[in-house]
Amino acid sequence: MLIIEIDGGGHYTEDGKNYDAERTATLEGYGLRELRFTNTEVLHSFEAVCKKIEAALEERGGDPAGRG
């Protein structure tokens, strides 16, 4: 499975970074992959974000179109 995380400003504080690192480790422990994007990336490079998501799905053997 793939988890998409969109990070706002709170993710760049020391507490936010620590929380994110712990959360990522926990998710990876369950065999999940996490992709992180900033708000700016999503707002200004949406197509590139989508391509990265599609590539990650293909790496894991999923169908980006949701067909299986």
C-alpha atoms as a PDB file:
ATOM      1  CA  MET A   1       0.000   0.000   0.000  1.00  0.00           C
ATOM      2  CA  LEU A   2       1.011   3.571  -0.584  1.00  0.00           C
ATOM      3  CA  ILE A   3       0.415   6.518   1.702  1.00  0.00           C
ATOM      4  CA  ILE A   4       0.471  10.052   0.315  1.00  0.00           C
ATOM      5  CA  GLU A   5       1.368  12.793   2.780  1.00  0.00           C
ATOM      6  CA  ILE A   6       0.968  16.501   1.995  1.00  0.00           C
ATOM      7  CA  ASP A   7       3.131  18.528   4.354  1.00  0.00           C
ATOM      8  CA  GLY A   8       2.209  22.006   5.470  1.00  0.00           C
ATOM      9  CA  GLY A   9       4.307  24.325   7.596  1.00  0.00           C
ATOM     10  CA  GLY A  10       3.817  22.374  10.825  1.00  0.00           C
ATOM     11  CA  HIS A  11       5.872  19.513   9.445  1.00  0.00           C
ATOM     12  CA  TYR A  12       9.043  21.619   9.460  1.00  0.00           C
ATOM     13  CA  THR A  13       9.172  22.348  13.179  1.00  0.00           C
ATOM     14  CA  GLU A  14      11.396  20.155  15.349  1.00  0.00           C
ATOM     15  CA  ASP A  15       8.328  18.475  16.890  1.00  0.00           C
ATOM     16  CA  GLY A  16       6.789  17.983  13.454  1.00  0.00           C
ATOM     17  CA  LYS A  17       9.947  16.426  12.067  1.00  0.00           C
ATOM     18  CA  ASN A  18      10.221  14.061  15.033  1.00  0.00           C
ATOM     19  CA  TYR A  19       6.572  13.031  14.763  1.00  0.00           C
ATOM     20  CA  ASP A  20       6.899  12.446  11.023  1.00  0.00           C
ATOM     21  CA  ALA A  21      10.030  10.316  11.473  1.00  0.00           C
ATOM     22  CA  GLU A  22       8.308   8.123  14.079  1.00  0.00           C
ATOM     23  CA  ARG A  23       5.172   7.834  11.961  1.00  0.00           C
ATOM     24  CA  THR A  24       7.166   6.906   8.856  1.00  0.00           C
ATOM     25  CA  ALA A  25       9.069   4.211  10.773  1.00  0.00           C
ATOM     26  CA  THR A  26       5.793   2.777  12.082  1.00  0.00           C
ATOM     27  CA  LEU A  27       4.202   2.739   8.622  1.00  0.00           C
ATOM     28  CA  GLU A  28       7.262   1.120   7.069  1.00  0.00           C
ATOM     29  CA  GLY A  29       7.096  -1.505   9.802  1.00  0.00           C
ATOM     30  CA  TYR A  30       3.700  -2.471   8.376  1.00  0.00           C
ATOM     31  CA  GLY A  31       5.166  -2.704   4.873  1.00  0.00           C
ATOM     32  CA  LEU A  32       3.654   0.584   3.763  1.00  0.00           C
ATOM     33  CA  ARG A  33       5.435   3.136   1.628  1.00  0.00           C
ATOM     34  CA  GLU A  34       4.979   6.806   2.298  1.00  0.00           C
ATOM     35  CA  LEU A  35       5.402   9.545  -0.280  1.00  0.00           C
ATOM     36  CA  ARG A  36       5.710  13.086   1.036  1.00  0.00           C
ATOM     37  CA  PHE A  37       5.023  16.260  -0.883  1.00  0.00           C
ATOM     38  CA  THR A  38       4.957  19.855   0.218  1.00  0.00           C
ATOM     39  CA  ASN A  39       1.920  22.057  -0.234  1.00  0.00           C
ATOM     40  CA  THR A  40       3.990  24.070  -2.712  1.00  0.00           C
ATOM     41  CA  GLU A  41       4.762  20.996  -4.811  1.00  0.00           C
ATOM     42  CA  VAL A  42       1.089  20.076  -5.006  1.00  0.00           C
ATOM     43  CA  LEU A  43      -0.009  23.610  -5.843  1.00  0.00           C
ATOM     44  CA  HIS A  44       2.700  24.445  -8.366  1.00  0.00           C
ATOM     45  CA  SER A  45       3.860  21.083  -9.752  1.00  0.00           C
ATOM     46  CA  PHE A  46       0.724  18.974  -9.602  1.00  0.00           C
ATOM     47  CA  GLU A  47       1.492  17.006 -12.760  1.00  0.00           C
ATOM     48  CA  ALA A  48       4.971  16.087 -11.481  1.00  0.00           C
ATOM     49  CA  VAL A  49       3.457  14.976  -8.157  1.00  0.00           C
ATOM     50  CA  CYS A  50       0.980  12.763  -9.998  1.00  0.00           C
ATOM     51  CA  LYS A  51       3.782  11.224 -12.072  1.00  0.00           C
ATOM     52  CA  LYS A  52       5.735  10.399  -8.904  1.00  0.00           C
ATOM     53  CA  ILE A  53       2.654   8.755  -7.417  1.00  0.00           C
ATOM     54  CA  GLU A  54       2.045   6.742 -10.593  1.00  0.00           C
ATOM     55  CA  ALA A  55       5.685   5.609 -10.647  1.00  0.00           C
ATOM     56  CA  ALA A  56       5.501   4.513  -7.012  1.00  0.00           C
ATOM     57  CA  LEU A  57       2.329   2.523  -7.702  1.00  0.00           C
ATOM     58  CA  GLU A  58       3.903   0.837 -10.699  1.00  0.00           C
ATOM     59  CA  GLU A  59       6.979  -0.082  -8.618  1.00  0.00           C
ATOM     60  CA  ARG A  60       4.714  -1.808  -6.116  1.00  0.00           C
ATOM     61  CA  GLY A  61       2.826  -3.655  -8.835  1.00  0.00           C
ATOM     62  CA  GLY A  62      -0.347  -1.620  -8.612  1.00  0.00           C
ATOM     63  CA  ASP A  63      -2.353  -0.165 -11.443  1.00  0.00           C
ATOM     64  CA  PRO A  64      -2.357   3.668 -11.315  1.00  0.00           C
ATOM     65  CA  ALA A  65      -5.738   3.649 -13.032  1.00  0.00           C
ATOM     66  CA  GLY A  66      -7.190   1.615 -10.170  1.00  0.00           C
ATOM     67  CA  ARG A  67      -7.945  -1.501 -12.228  1.00  0.00           C
ATOM     68  CA  GLY A  68      -6.260  -3.983  -9.987  1.00  0.00           C
END
